[in-house]
Amino acid sequence: MPVHRSGLHRIRALATAGAVLLAVLSLPHPAAAAGSAPTVPPRGSARMGMGVAAHDGSGGLPTVRSTRTEGVDVSSHQGDVAWTTLWNSGVRWAYVKATEGTYYTNPYHAQQYGGSYDVGMVRGAYHFGTPDTASGAAQADYFVDRGGDWSADGRTLPGVLDIEWNPYGDACYGKSQSAMVSWIRDFLDQYRYRTGRNAVLYTATSWWKQCTGNYAGFGATTPLWIARYASTVGELPAGWSTYTMWQYTSTGPTVGDHDLFNGTLDRVRTFALG
């Protein structure tokens, strides 16, 4: 039976309405989009202290600086760093991210590590530890072989293990507290074997309590770099009665992450020598 022209128009209109309805139904619900999981950053993008403000907050600046020496820490996020500007502002030491896991090296390491040295700073390198990707010893080797070595020239600081909240997943990298302690020991032992120096350990007290059970066994031999964005360092992790360095802000001038060495510049140089 032939279909009248008015019937054809009606069929086409219904088809169009159905297509529009399907398109609308396929759109994500606003509430679902608002409650979706946060975007996970790409591997290699972690930097020292990136979880501190979110977990511990921030507020206030150090009230006493006369016996402390200003420093900075940098990574690929800063790109080519204006080292002369930092030197002229009073910064005298620096740490540069060298590696992460066993899969990433900082593409700006040469400019940052060499540039800080060239303006007169005492400088060193740090490794962002990812205990869920490789053993501590393997990551220590990767670090030493790619910029984290130490030399007794008076201008090179010992390497740092940056161990903090996991930016890519579970805060403790899926490890129990005892397993985390074992992983950290594995890294520290291998670094000392390779370089003859004890690595510095960078962490925040709240993470240390959560992920190691506030383990006290490293304080006797491992220098502490504490992260806390406040007017005082606050409570230190178990095992340490003092700190060597303190990251006190992520919003400093020129470079965001600013730090204080617990002593004069002569003490910084003595520490570099070992």
C-alpha atoms as a PDB file:
ATOM      1  CA  MET A   1       0.000   0.000   0.000  1.00  0.00           C
ATOM      2  CA  PRO A   2       1.470   3.431  -0.889  1.00  0.00           C
ATOM      3  CA  VAL A   3       2.339   5.814   1.963  1.00  0.00           C
ATOM      4  CA  HIS A   4       0.889   9.339   1.710  1.00  0.00           C
ATOM      5  CA  ARG A   5       3.293  12.284   1.793  1.00  0.00           C
ATOM      6  CA  SER A   6       1.925  13.422   5.205  1.00  0.00           C
ATOM      7  CA  GLY A   7       2.635   9.952   6.557  1.00  0.00           C
ATOM      8  CA  LEU A   8       6.226  10.147   5.294  1.00  0.00           C
ATOM      9  CA  HIS A   9       6.725  13.477   7.087  1.00  0.00           C
ATOM     10  CA  ARG A  10       5.358  11.949  10.270  1.00  0.00           C
ATOM     11  CA  ILE A  11       7.722   8.960  10.065  1.00  0.00           C
ATOM     12  CA  ARG A  12      10.718  11.189   9.427  1.00  0.00           C
ATOM     13  CA  ALA A  13       9.814  13.457  12.353  1.00  0.00           C
ATOM     14  CA  LEU A  14       9.544  10.507  14.700  1.00  0.00           C
ATOM     15  CA  ALA A  15      12.908   9.151  13.540  1.00  0.00           C
ATOM     16  CA  THR A  16      14.579  12.540  14.120  1.00  0.00           C
ATOM     17  CA  ALA A  17      13.072  12.852  17.601  1.00  0.00           C
ATOM     18  CA  GLY A  18      14.281   9.366  18.462  1.00  0.00           C
ATOM     19  CA  ALA A  19      17.830  10.179  17.349  1.00  0.00           C
ATOM     20  CA  VAL A  20      17.865  13.321  19.485  1.00  0.00           C
ATOM     21  CA  LEU A  21      16.580  11.392  22.493  1.00  0.00           C
ATOM     22  CA  LEU A  22      19.294   8.744  22.093  1.00  0.00           C
ATOM     23  CA  ALA A  23      21.963  11.443  21.844  1.00  0.00           C
ATOM     24  CA  VAL A  24      20.735  13.107  25.029  1.00  0.00           C
ATOM     25  CA  LEU A  25      20.607   9.823  26.900  1.00  0.00           C
ATOM     26  CA  SER A  26      24.173   9.020  25.867  1.00  0.00           C
ATOM     27  CA  LEU A  27      25.557  12.183  27.469  1.00  0.00           C
ATOM     28  CA  PRO A  28      27.211  11.741  30.919  1.00  0.00           C
ATOM     29  CA  HIS A  29      25.029  12.762  33.807  1.00  0.00           C
ATOM     30  CA  PRO A  30      26.247  16.045  35.393  1.00  0.00           C
ATOM     31  CA  ALA A  31      26.292  14.517  38.855  1.00  0.00           C
ATOM     32  CA  ALA A  32      28.322  11.554  37.609  1.00  0.00           C
ATOM     33  CA  ALA A  33      30.839  13.861  35.963  1.00  0.00           C
ATOM     34  CA  ALA A  34      31.159  15.943  39.125  1.00  0.00           C
ATOM     35  CA  GLY A  35      31.769  12.855  41.238  1.00  0.00           C
ATOM     36  CA  SER A  36      34.219  11.173  38.884  1.00  0.00           C
ATOM     37  CA  ALA A  37      37.679  10.158  40.088  1.00  0.00           C
ATOM     38  CA  PRO A  38      40.417  12.809  39.836  1.00  0.00           C
ATOM     39  CA  THR A  39      42.759  12.605  36.879  1.00  0.00           C
ATOM     40  CA  VAL A  40      45.898  10.598  37.639  1.00  0.00           C
ATOM     41  CA  PRO A  41      49.048  12.484  36.584  1.00  0.00           C
ATOM     42  CA  PRO A  42      51.386  10.825  34.089  1.00  0.00           C
ATOM     43  CA  ARG A  43      54.269   8.752  35.380  1.00  0.00           C
ATOM     44  CA  GLY A  44      57.400  10.825  35.801  1.00  0.00           C
ATOM     45  CA  SER A  45      55.569  14.002  36.795  1.00  0.00           C
ATOM     46  CA  ALA A  46      55.926  13.524  40.558  1.00  0.00           C
ATOM     47  CA  ARG A  47      57.909  16.153  42.418  1.00  0.00           C
ATOM     48  CA  MET A  48      59.099  16.718  45.935  1.00  0.00           C
ATOM     49  CA  GLY A  49      56.269  17.763  48.227  1.00  0.00           C
ATOM     50  CA  MET A  50      53.446  17.506  45.703  1.00  0.00           C
ATOM     51  CA  GLY A  51      51.168  15.900  48.303  1.00  0.00           C
ATOM     52  CA  VAL A  52      52.113  17.940  51.360  1.00  0.00           C
ATOM     53  CA  ALA A  53      49.659  20.817  51.103  1.00  0.00           C
ATOM     54  CA  ALA A  54      46.752  18.543  50.189  1.00  0.00           C
ATOM     55  CA  HIS A  55      47.318  16.193  53.133  1.00  0.00           C
ATOM     56  CA  ASP A  56      48.841  18.435  55.810  1.00  0.00           C
ATOM     57  CA  GLY A  57      47.707  21.898  54.764  1.00  0.00           C
ATOM     58  CA  SER A  58      49.872  25.002  54.627  1.00  0.00           C
ATOM     59  CA  GLY A  59      50.113  28.205  56.566  1.00  0.00           C
ATOM     60  CA  GLY A  60      52.766  30.447  58.011  1.00  0.00           C
ATOM     61  CA  LEU A  61      56.462  30.823  57.322  1.00  0.00           C
ATOM     62  CA  PRO A  62      59.505  30.076  59.497  1.00  0.00           C
ATOM     63  CA  THR A  63      59.887  32.613  62.277  1.00  0.00           C
ATOM     64  CA  VAL A  64      63.649  32.117  62.834  1.00  0.00           C
ATOM     65  CA  ARG A  65      66.135  31.970  59.963  1.00  0.00           C
ATOM     66  CA  SER A  66      69.352  33.498  61.300  1.00  0.00           C
ATOM     67  CA  THR A  67      71.149  30.171  61.778  1.00  0.00           C
ATOM     68  CA  ARG A  68      69.599  28.465  58.751  1.00  0.00           C
ATOM     69  CA  THR A  69      70.608  28.571  55.104  1.00  0.00           C
ATOM     70  CA  GLU A  70      68.124  29.079  52.267  1.00  0.00           C
ATOM     71  CA  GLY A  71      67.778  26.449  49.554  1.00  0.00           C
ATOM     72  CA  VAL A  72      65.454  25.293  46.782  1.00  0.00           C
ATOM     73  CA  ASP A  73      64.413  22.024  45.190  1.00  0.00           C
ATOM     74  CA  VAL A  74      63.471  21.782  41.520  1.00  0.00           C
ATOM     75  CA  SER A  75      62.230  19.294  38.932  1.00  0.00           C
ATOM     76  CA  SER A  76      61.122  19.335  35.312  1.00  0.00           C
ATOM     77  CA  HIS A  77      58.136  21.454  36.395  1.00  0.00           C
ATOM     78  CA  GLN A  78      60.476  24.458  36.674  1.00  0.00           C
ATOM     79  CA  GLY A  79      62.155  23.919  33.294  1.00  0.00           C
ATOM     80  CA  ASP A  80      65.288  26.025  32.852  1.00  0.00           C
ATOM     81  CA  VAL A  81      65.849  27.676  36.232  1.00  0.00           C
ATOM     82  CA  ALA A  82      67.013  31.287  36.720  1.00  0.00           C
ATOM     83  CA  TRP A  83      69.899  30.343  38.985  1.00  0.00           C
ATOM     84  CA  THR A  84      71.490  33.784  39.061  1.00  0.00           C
ATOM     85  CA  THR A  85      68.204  35.281  40.271  1.00  0.00           C
ATOM     86  CA  LEU A  86      67.993  32.682  43.028  1.00  0.00           C
ATOM     87  CA  TRP A  87      71.614  33.243  44.039  1.00  0.00           C
ATOM     88  CA  ASN A  88      71.070  36.992  44.235  1.00  0.00           C
ATOM     89  CA  SER A  89      68.030  36.380  46.470  1.00  0.00           C
ATOM     90  CA  GLY A  90      70.170  34.511  48.994  1.00  0.00           C
ATOM     91  CA  VAL A  91      69.687  30.879  47.964  1.00  0.00           C
ATOM     92  CA  ARG A  92      72.905  28.942  48.555  1.00  0.00           C
ATOM     93  CA  TRP A  93      72.036  25.281  48.021  1.00  0.00           C
ATOM     94  CA  ALA A  94      69.762  23.292  45.742  1.00  0.00           C
ATOM     95  CA  TYR A  95      68.464  19.819  45.065  1.00  0.00           C
ATOM     96  CA  VAL A  96      67.457  18.705  41.576  1.00  0.00           C
ATOM     97  CA  LYS A  97      65.193  15.788  40.705  1.00  0.00           C
ATOM     98  CA  ALA A  98      67.242  13.261  38.778  1.00  0.00           C
ATOM     99  CA  THR A  99      65.036  10.181  38.530  1.00  0.00           C
ATOM    100  CA  GLU A 100      61.782   8.460  39.397  1.00  0.00           C
ATOM    101  CA  GLY A 101      61.244   4.727  39.724  1.00  0.00           C
ATOM    102  CA  THR A 102      63.317   2.947  37.079  1.00  0.00           C
ATOM    103  CA  TYR A 103      61.519   4.606  34.159  1.00  0.00           C
ATOM    104  CA  TYR A 104      62.112   8.361  34.261  1.00  0.00           C
ATOM    105  CA  THR A 105      64.988  10.836  34.138  1.00  0.00           C
ATOM    106  CA  ASN A 106      64.550  14.591  34.402  1.00  0.00           C
ATOM    107  CA  PRO A 107      65.162  16.129  30.941  1.00  0.00           C
ATOM    108  CA  TYR A 108      66.210  19.418  32.595  1.00  0.00           C
ATOM    109  CA  HIS A 109      68.694  17.785  34.945  1.00  0.00           C
ATOM    110  CA  ALA A 110      71.807  19.070  33.160  1.00  0.00           C
ATOM    111  CA  GLN A 111      70.710  22.728  33.172  1.00  0.00           C
ATOM    112  CA  GLN A 112      69.438  22.548  36.731  1.00  0.00           C
ATOM    113  CA  TYR A 113      72.259  20.508  38.277  1.00  0.00           C
ATOM    114  CA  GLY A 114      75.050  22.222  36.363  1.00  0.00           C
ATOM    115  CA  GLY A 115      73.489  25.671  36.495  1.00  0.00           C
ATOM    116  CA  SER A 116      73.176  25.698  40.277  1.00  0.00           C
ATOM    117  CA  TYR A 117      76.831  24.643  40.563  1.00  0.00           C
ATOM    118  CA  ASP A 118      77.983  27.291  38.101  1.00  0.00           C
ATOM    119  CA  VAL A 119      76.549  30.173  40.146  1.00  0.00           C
ATOM    120  CA  GLY A 120      78.279  28.905  43.284  1.00  0.00           C
ATOM    121  CA  MET A 121      75.653  26.790  45.015  1.00  0.00           C
ATOM    122  CA  VAL A 122      76.211  23.519  46.811  1.00  0.00           C
ATOM    123  CA  ARG A 123      73.888  21.105  45.045  1.00  0.00           C
ATOM    124  CA  GLY A 124      72.656  17.542  45.026  1.00  0.00           C
ATOM    125  CA  ALA A 125      70.124  15.249  43.358  1.00  0.00           C
ATOM    126  CA  TYR A 126      66.972  13.497  44.519  1.00  0.00           C
ATOM    127  CA  HIS A 127      65.022  10.416  43.502  1.00  0.00           C
ATOM    128  CA  PHE A 128      61.237  10.112  43.727  1.00  0.00           C
ATOM    129  CA  GLY A 129      60.669   6.615  45.049  1.00  0.00           C
ATOM    130  CA  THR A 130      57.837   4.473  43.695  1.00  0.00           C
ATOM    131  CA  PRO A 131      57.859   1.276  45.788  1.00  0.00           C
ATOM    132  CA  ASP A 132      55.144  -0.308  43.647  1.00  0.00           C
ATOM    133  CA  THR A 133      57.231  -0.391  40.471  1.00  0.00           C
ATOM    134  CA  ALA A 134      60.657  -1.843  41.364  1.00  0.00           C
ATOM    135  CA  SER A 135      62.761  -2.827  44.370  1.00  0.00           C
ATOM    136  CA  GLY A 136      64.540  -0.266  46.508  1.00  0.00           C
ATOM    137  CA  ALA A 137      67.960  -1.523  45.403  1.00  0.00           C
ATOM    138  CA  ALA A 138      67.022  -1.341  41.717  1.00  0.00           C
ATOM    139  CA  GLN A 139      65.829   2.231  42.120  1.00  0.00           C
ATOM    140  CA  ALA A 140      68.961   3.218  44.044  1.00  0.00           C
ATOM    141  CA  ASP A 141      71.102   1.851  41.204  1.00  0.00           C
ATOM    142  CA  TYR A 142      68.986   3.662  38.619  1.00  0.00           C
ATOM    143  CA  PHE A 143      69.390   6.900  40.588  1.00  0.00           C
ATOM    144  CA  VAL A 144      73.162   6.630  41.067  1.00  0.00           C
ATOM    145  CA  ASP A 145      73.703   5.809  37.395  1.00  0.00           C
ATOM    146  CA  ARG A 146      71.637   8.790  36.206  1.00  0.00           C
ATOM    147  CA  GLY A 147      72.749  11.786  38.227  1.00  0.00           C
ATOM    148  CA  GLY A 148      72.425  10.726  41.854  1.00  0.00           C
ATOM    149  CA  ASP A 149      76.058   9.858  42.577  1.00  0.00           C
ATOM    150  CA  TRP A 150      78.113  11.671  45.207  1.00  0.00           C
ATOM    151  CA  SER A 151      81.661  13.035  45.119  1.00  0.00           C
ATOM    152  CA  ALA A 152      83.759  14.498  47.925  1.00  0.00           C
ATOM    153  CA  ASP A 153      84.355  17.854  46.234  1.00  0.00           C
ATOM    154  CA  GLY A 154      82.658  19.972  48.887  1.00  0.00           C
ATOM    155  CA  ARG A 155      80.004  21.126  46.414  1.00  0.00           C
ATOM    156  CA  THR A 156      77.999  17.900  46.005  1.00  0.00           C
ATOM    157  CA  LEU A 157      75.365  16.950  48.564  1.00  0.00           C
ATOM    158  CA  PRO A 158      74.432  13.303  49.204  1.00  0.00           C
ATOM    159  CA  GLY A 159      71.493  11.932  47.260  1.00  0.00           C
ATOM    160  CA  VAL A 160      67.944  12.095  48.591  1.00  0.00           C
ATOM    161  CA  LEU A 161      65.183   9.490  48.632  1.00  0.00           C
ATOM    162  CA  ASP A 162      61.893  11.362  48.302  1.00  0.00           C
ATOM    163  CA  ILE A 163      59.321   9.028  49.852  1.00  0.00           C
ATOM    164  CA  GLU A 164      55.824  10.430  50.289  1.00  0.00           C
ATOM    165  CA  TRP A 165      52.221  10.083  49.131  1.00  0.00           C
ATOM    166  CA  ASN A 166      51.807   8.180  45.895  1.00  0.00           C
ATOM    167  CA  PRO A 167      50.453  10.606  43.268  1.00  0.00           C
ATOM    168  CA  TYR A 168      49.467   7.721  40.999  1.00  0.00           C
ATOM    169  CA  GLY A 169      47.372   5.604  43.357  1.00  0.00           C
ATOM    170  CA  ASP A 170      47.280   4.194  46.880  1.00  0.00           C
ATOM    171  CA  ALA A 171      49.068   6.508  49.352  1.00  0.00           C
ATOM    172  CA  CYS A 172      51.348   3.717  50.582  1.00  0.00           C
ATOM    173  CA  TYR A 173      51.901   2.154  47.132  1.00  0.00           C
ATOM    174  CA  GLY A 174      49.944  -0.937  48.135  1.00  0.00           C
ATOM    175  CA  LYS A 175      52.528  -1.952  50.748  1.00  0.00           C
ATOM    176  CA  SER A 176      52.086  -2.904  54.374  1.00  0.00           C
ATOM    177  CA  GLN A 177      53.989  -0.846  56.925  1.00  0.00           C
ATOM    178  CA  SER A 178      56.638  -3.532  57.397  1.00  0.00           C
ATOM    179  CA  ALA A 179      57.025  -4.000  53.648  1.00  0.00           C
ATOM    180  CA  MET A 180      57.471  -0.245  53.216  1.00  0.00           C
ATOM    181  CA  VAL A 181      60.199  -0.172  55.869  1.00  0.00           C
ATOM    182  CA  SER A 182      61.963  -3.048  54.086  1.00  0.00           C
ATOM    183  CA  TRP A 183      61.733  -1.253  50.741  1.00  0.00           C
ATOM    184  CA  ILE A 184      63.212   1.956  52.167  1.00  0.00           C
ATOM    185  CA  ARG A 185      66.021   0.021  53.872  1.00  0.00           C
ATOM    186  CA  ASP A 186      66.767  -1.719  50.570  1.00  0.00           C
ATOM    187  CA  PHE A 187      67.180   1.659  48.850  1.00  0.00           C
ATOM    188  CA  LEU A 188      69.282   3.225  51.615  1.00  0.00           C
ATOM    189  CA  ASP A 189      71.593   0.218  51.915  1.00  0.00           C
ATOM    190  CA  GLN A 190      72.206   0.077  48.168  1.00  0.00           C
ATOM    191  CA  TYR A 191      72.838   3.819  47.933  1.00  0.00           C
ATOM    192  CA  ARG A 192      75.447   3.614  50.670  1.00  0.00           C
ATOM    193  CA  TYR A 193      77.032   0.581  49.003  1.00  0.00           C
ATOM    194  CA  ARG A 194      77.307   2.433  45.700  1.00  0.00           C
ATOM    195  CA  THR A 195      78.438   5.850  46.974  1.00  0.00           C
ATOM    196  CA  GLY A 196      79.879   5.495  50.471  1.00  0.00           C
ATOM    197  CA  ARG A 197      77.368   8.045  51.803  1.00  0.00           C
ATOM    198  CA  ASN A 198      74.113   7.726  53.670  1.00  0.00           C
ATOM    199  CA  ALA A 199      71.293   9.078  51.555  1.00  0.00           C
ATOM    200  CA  VAL A 200      69.036  11.786  52.962  1.00  0.00           C
ATOM    201  CA  LEU A 201      65.421  10.785  53.552  1.00  0.00           C
ATOM    202  CA  TYR A 202      62.727  13.311  52.580  1.00  0.00           C
ATOM    203  CA  THR A 203      59.270  12.710  54.007  1.00  0.00           C
ATOM    204  CA  ALA A 204      56.341  14.154  55.958  1.00  0.00           C
ATOM    205  CA  THR A 205      55.559  12.993  59.483  1.00  0.00           C
ATOM    206  CA  SER A 206      51.922  12.167  58.737  1.00  0.00           C
ATOM    207  CA  TRP A 207      52.869   9.987  55.751  1.00  0.00           C
ATOM    208  CA  TRP A 208      55.601   8.311  57.781  1.00  0.00           C
ATOM    209  CA  LYS A 209      53.137   7.397  60.503  1.00  0.00           C
ATOM    210  CA  GLN A 210      50.562   6.107  58.031  1.00  0.00           C
ATOM    211  CA  CYS A 211      52.853   4.092  55.793  1.00  0.00           C
ATOM    212  CA  THR A 212      55.685   2.902  58.074  1.00  0.00           C
ATOM    213  CA  GLY A 213      53.880   2.809  61.419  1.00  0.00           C
ATOM    214  CA  ASN A 214      56.207   5.609  62.574  1.00  0.00           C
ATOM    215  CA  TYR A 215      59.238   3.343  62.308  1.00  0.00           C
ATOM    216  CA  ALA A 216      62.180   4.647  64.366  1.00  0.00           C
ATOM    217  CA  GLY A 217      65.063   2.609  63.018  1.00  0.00           C
ATOM    218  CA  PHE A 218      66.584   4.979  60.452  1.00  0.00           C
ATOM    219  CA  GLY A 219      67.155   8.047  62.611  1.00  0.00           C
ATOM    220  CA  ALA A 220      70.613   7.107  63.872  1.00  0.00           C
ATOM    221  CA  THR A 221      72.243   7.045  60.420  1.00  0.00           C
ATOM    222  CA  THR A 222      69.922   8.762  57.947  1.00  0.00           C
ATOM    223  CA  PRO A 223      69.740  12.578  57.681  1.00  0.00           C
ATOM    224  CA  LEU A 224      66.152  13.830  57.680  1.00  0.00           C
ATOM    225  CA  TRP A 225      64.599  16.329  55.295  1.00  0.00           C
ATOM    226  CA  ILE A 226      61.204  17.124  56.758  1.00  0.00           C
ATOM    227  CA  ALA A 227      58.285  18.521  54.751  1.00  0.00           C
ATOM    228  CA  ARG A 228      55.902  20.871  56.563  1.00  0.00           C
ATOM    229  CA  TYR A 229      54.434  24.121  55.252  1.00  0.00           C
ATOM    230  CA  ALA A 230      54.083  26.033  58.493  1.00  0.00           C
ATOM    231  CA  SER A 231      55.937  28.373  60.836  1.00  0.00           C
ATOM    232  CA  THR A 232      57.643  25.485  62.653  1.00  0.00           C
ATOM    233  CA  VAL A 233      58.726  21.990  61.675  1.00  0.00           C
ATOM    234  CA  GLY A 234      56.349  20.469  64.195  1.00  0.00           C
ATOM    235  CA  GLU A 235      56.564  16.831  65.227  1.00  0.00           C
ATOM    236  CA  LEU A 236      59.340  14.829  63.590  1.00  0.00           C
ATOM    237  CA  PRO A 237      59.048  11.159  62.614  1.00  0.00           C
ATOM    238  CA  ALA A 238      60.073   8.650  65.268  1.00  0.00           C
ATOM    239  CA  GLY A 239      63.821   8.127  65.552  1.00  0.00           C
ATOM    240  CA  TRP A 240      64.847  11.684  64.735  1.00  0.00           C
ATOM    241  CA  SER A 241      65.438  14.338  67.390  1.00  0.00           C
ATOM    242  CA  THR A 242      66.427  16.971  64.836  1.00  0.00           C
ATOM    243  CA  TYR A 243      66.304  17.594  61.106  1.00  0.00           C
ATOM    244  CA  THR A 244      68.952  18.440  58.530  1.00  0.00           C
ATOM    245  CA  MET A 245      66.687  20.230  56.043  1.00  0.00           C
ATOM    246  CA  TRP A 246      63.145  21.534  56.059  1.00  0.00           C
ATOM    247  CA  GLN A 247      60.919  22.174  53.045  1.00  0.00           C
ATOM    248  CA  TYR A 248      58.762  24.975  54.408  1.00  0.00           C
ATOM    249  CA  THR A 249      56.791  26.202  51.383  1.00  0.00           C
ATOM    250  CA  SER A 250      55.767  25.347  47.832  1.00  0.00           C
ATOM    251  CA  THR A 251      54.965  28.974  46.947  1.00  0.00           C
ATOM    252  CA  GLY A 252      58.291  30.754  47.271  1.00  0.00           C
ATOM    253  CA  PRO A 253      59.670  33.393  44.872  1.00  0.00           C
ATOM    254  CA  THR A 254      61.268  32.416  41.521  1.00  0.00           C
ATOM    255  CA  VAL A 255      60.990  28.722  42.386  1.00  0.00           C
ATOM    256  CA  GLY A 256      58.063  27.530  44.457  1.00  0.00           C
ATOM    257  CA  ASP A 257      59.717  24.931  46.693  1.00  0.00           C
ATOM    258  CA  HIS A 258      61.928  26.622  49.279  1.00  0.00           C
ATOM    259  CA  ASP A 259      63.881  24.984  52.056  1.00  0.00           C
ATOM    260  CA  LEU A 260      66.081  25.727  55.033  1.00  0.00           C
ATOM    261  CA  PHE A 261      69.246  23.886  55.990  1.00  0.00           C
ATOM    262  CA  ASN A 262      69.492  23.575  59.756  1.00  0.00           C
ATOM    263  CA  GLY A 263      72.789  25.462  60.081  1.00  0.00           C
ATOM    264  CA  THR A 264      75.032  28.036  58.494  1.00  0.00           C
ATOM    265  CA  LEU A 265      76.527  27.848  55.010  1.00  0.00           C
ATOM    266  CA  ASP A 266      79.702  26.400  56.516  1.00  0.00           C
ATOM    267  CA  ARG A 267      77.595  23.565  57.874  1.00  0.00           C
ATOM    268  CA  VAL A 268      76.126  22.969  54.419  1.00  0.00           C
ATOM    269  CA  ARG A 269      79.633  22.645  52.986  1.00  0.00           C
ATOM    270  CA  THR A 270      80.719  20.343  55.815  1.00  0.00           C
ATOM    271  CA  PHE A 271      77.674  18.174  55.193  1.00  0.00           C
ATOM    272  CA  ALA A 272      78.549  17.993  51.495  1.00  0.00           C
ATOM    273  CA  LEU A 273      82.043  16.770  52.320  1.00  0.00           C
ATOM    274  CA  GLY A 274      80.745  13.998  54.526  1.00  0.00           C
END
